[in-house]
Amino acid sequence: MSSPRSLFRTAVDKNAPRETRTTAIDELAEIAATTQLRVIVVADGFNGSFRRQALNGLGRCRATTELAALADDASLPTPLRERADQLR
């Protein structure tokens, strides 16, 4: 199994194939790497689908503290904040 650090690097690598990045985000959720998932959600430069996938991963991890913080984060786009609120 890969480490959270290497999975995160893969997830954020814009040169990696989309499927590889998606798999890395799923694996981060499987190992409950909530810090890395939260960083993907808040990072402005990511494709919205990756951000939503990471947010859903936090929901799968039952990361209620992170989800509550994201729901209250005014810097996030409204749809992401609303989804975080639904997942917590």
C-alpha atoms as a PDB file:
ATOM      1  CA  MET A   1       0.000   0.000   0.000  1.00  0.00           C
ATOM      2  CA  SER A   2       1.190   3.508  -0.775  1.00  0.00           C
ATOM      3  CA  SER A   3       1.825   6.141   1.858  1.00  0.00           C
ATOM      4  CA  PRO A   4      -0.499   9.130   2.239  1.00  0.00           C
ATOM      5  CA  ARG A   5       2.336  11.354   1.022  1.00  0.00           C
ATOM      6  CA  SER A   6       2.912   9.425  -2.219  1.00  0.00           C
ATOM      7  CA  LEU A   7      -0.840   9.116  -2.877  1.00  0.00           C
ATOM      8  CA  PHE A   8      -1.242  12.852  -2.349  1.00  0.00           C
ATOM      9  CA  ARG A   9       1.621  13.572  -4.762  1.00  0.00           C
ATOM     10  CA  THR A  10      -0.078  11.373  -7.365  1.00  0.00           C
ATOM     11  CA  ALA A  11      -3.471  13.006  -6.784  1.00  0.00           C
ATOM     12  CA  VAL A  12      -2.080  16.505  -7.324  1.00  0.00           C
ATOM     13  CA  ASP A  13       0.206  15.634 -10.269  1.00  0.00           C
ATOM     14  CA  LYS A  14      -1.333  17.423 -13.235  1.00  0.00           C
ATOM     15  CA  ASN A  15       0.746  15.262 -15.588  1.00  0.00           C
ATOM     16  CA  ALA A  16      -0.683  12.005 -14.209  1.00  0.00           C
ATOM     17  CA  PRO A  17      -3.602  10.415 -16.073  1.00  0.00           C
ATOM     18  CA  ARG A  18      -7.031  11.344 -14.716  1.00  0.00           C
ATOM     19  CA  GLU A  19      -7.787   7.723 -13.773  1.00  0.00           C
ATOM     20  CA  THR A  20      -4.537   7.467 -11.793  1.00  0.00           C
ATOM     21  CA  ARG A  21      -5.350  10.665  -9.903  1.00  0.00           C
ATOM     22  CA  THR A  22      -8.897   9.470  -9.186  1.00  0.00           C
ATOM     23  CA  THR A  23      -7.590   6.154  -7.871  1.00  0.00           C
ATOM     24  CA  ALA A  24      -5.112   7.971  -5.617  1.00  0.00           C
ATOM     25  CA  ILE A  25      -7.916  10.076  -4.091  1.00  0.00           C
ATOM     26  CA  ASP A  26      -9.994   6.931  -3.497  1.00  0.00           C
ATOM     27  CA  GLU A  27      -7.021   5.288  -1.805  1.00  0.00           C
ATOM     28  CA  LEU A  28      -6.534   8.357   0.408  1.00  0.00           C
ATOM     29  CA  ALA A  29     -10.147   7.914   1.535  1.00  0.00           C
ATOM     30  CA  GLU A  30      -9.616   4.194   2.154  1.00  0.00           C
ATOM     31  CA  ILE A  31      -6.728   4.900   4.518  1.00  0.00           C
ATOM     32  CA  ALA A  32      -8.550   7.860   6.119  1.00  0.00           C
ATOM     33  CA  ALA A  33      -5.889  10.385   5.107  1.00  0.00           C
ATOM     34  CA  THR A  34      -8.150  13.264   6.095  1.00  0.00           C
ATOM     35  CA  THR A  35      -5.468  15.966   6.051  1.00  0.00           C
ATOM     36  CA  GLN A  36      -4.514  15.208   2.452  1.00  0.00           C
ATOM     37  CA  LEU A  37      -8.157  14.990   1.373  1.00  0.00           C
ATOM     38  CA  ARG A  38      -8.932  18.337   3.013  1.00  0.00           C
ATOM     39  CA  VAL A  39      -5.995  19.990   1.231  1.00  0.00           C
ATOM     40  CA  ILE A  40      -7.336  18.750  -2.123  1.00  0.00           C
ATOM     41  CA  VAL A  41     -10.790  20.154  -1.314  1.00  0.00           C
ATOM     42  CA  VAL A  42      -9.486  23.618  -0.397  1.00  0.00           C
ATOM     43  CA  ALA A  43      -6.869  23.904  -3.152  1.00  0.00           C
ATOM     44  CA  ASP A  44      -8.069  26.366  -5.745  1.00  0.00           C
ATOM     45  CA  GLY A  45      -6.082  24.990  -8.663  1.00  0.00           C
ATOM     46  CA  PHE A  46      -7.788  21.599  -8.781  1.00  0.00           C
ATOM     47  CA  ASN A  47     -10.474  20.455 -11.162  1.00  0.00           C
ATOM     48  CA  GLY A  48     -13.851  20.577  -9.417  1.00  0.00           C
ATOM     49  CA  SER A  49     -14.423  16.855  -9.864  1.00  0.00           C
ATOM     50  CA  PHE A  50     -11.244  16.050  -7.891  1.00  0.00           C
ATOM     51  CA  ARG A  51     -12.300  18.454  -5.151  1.00  0.00           C
ATOM     52  CA  ARG A  52     -15.775  16.873  -4.951  1.00  0.00           C
ATOM     53  CA  GLN A  53     -14.267  13.388  -4.913  1.00  0.00           C
ATOM     54  CA  ALA A  54     -11.960  14.343  -2.036  1.00  0.00           C
ATOM     55  CA  LEU A  55     -14.915  15.882  -0.186  1.00  0.00           C
ATOM     56  CA  ASN A  56     -16.939  12.705  -0.631  1.00  0.00           C
ATOM     57  CA  GLY A  57     -13.890  10.788   0.605  1.00  0.00           C
ATOM     58  CA  LEU A  58     -13.980  12.830   3.806  1.00  0.00           C
ATOM     59  CA  GLY A  59     -17.603  11.807   4.154  1.00  0.00           C
ATOM     60  CA  ARG A  60     -16.657   8.148   3.751  1.00  0.00           C
ATOM     61  CA  CYS A  61     -14.048   8.616   6.479  1.00  0.00           C
ATOM     62  CA  ARG A  62     -16.681  10.193   8.752  1.00  0.00           C
ATOM     63  CA  ALA A  63     -14.343  13.136   9.182  1.00  0.00           C
ATOM     64  CA  THR A  64     -16.950  15.309  10.861  1.00  0.00           C
ATOM     65  CA  THR A  65     -14.491  17.875  12.235  1.00  0.00           C
ATOM     66  CA  GLU A  66     -12.955  18.509   8.811  1.00  0.00           C
ATOM     67  CA  LEU A  67     -16.370  18.550   7.131  1.00  0.00           C
ATOM     68  CA  ALA A  68     -17.708  21.072   9.643  1.00  0.00           C
ATOM     69  CA  ALA A  69     -14.695  23.330   9.068  1.00  0.00           C
ATOM     70  CA  LEU A  70     -15.144  23.075   5.294  1.00  0.00           C
ATOM     71  CA  ALA A  71     -18.867  23.820   5.554  1.00  0.00           C
ATOM     72  CA  ASP A  72     -17.979  27.039   7.392  1.00  0.00           C
ATOM     73  CA  ASP A  73     -15.087  28.021   5.090  1.00  0.00           C
ATOM     74  CA  ALA A  74     -16.243  31.122   3.206  1.00  0.00           C
ATOM     75  CA  SER A  75     -13.331  30.814   0.776  1.00  0.00           C
ATOM     76  CA  LEU A  76     -14.783  27.578  -0.668  1.00  0.00           C
ATOM     77  CA  PRO A  77     -17.312  27.702  -3.500  1.00  0.00           C
ATOM     78  CA  THR A  78     -20.880  27.449  -2.209  1.00  0.00           C
ATOM     79  CA  PRO A  79     -21.585  23.994  -3.742  1.00  0.00           C
ATOM     80  CA  LEU A  80     -18.576  22.510  -1.918  1.00  0.00           C
ATOM     81  CA  ARG A  81     -19.612  24.127   1.375  1.00  0.00           C
ATOM     82  CA  GLU A  82     -23.158  22.831   0.972  1.00  0.00           C
ATOM     83  CA  ARG A  83     -21.920  19.312   0.189  1.00  0.00           C
ATOM     84  CA  ALA A  84     -19.614  19.371   3.222  1.00  0.00           C
ATOM     85  CA  ASP A  85     -22.603  20.349   5.349  1.00  0.00           C
ATOM     86  CA  GLN A  86     -24.638  17.446   3.922  1.00  0.00           C
ATOM     87  CA  LEU A  87     -21.865  14.938   4.612  1.00  0.00           C
ATOM     88  CA  ARG A  88     -21.141  15.846   8.230  1.00  0.00           C
END
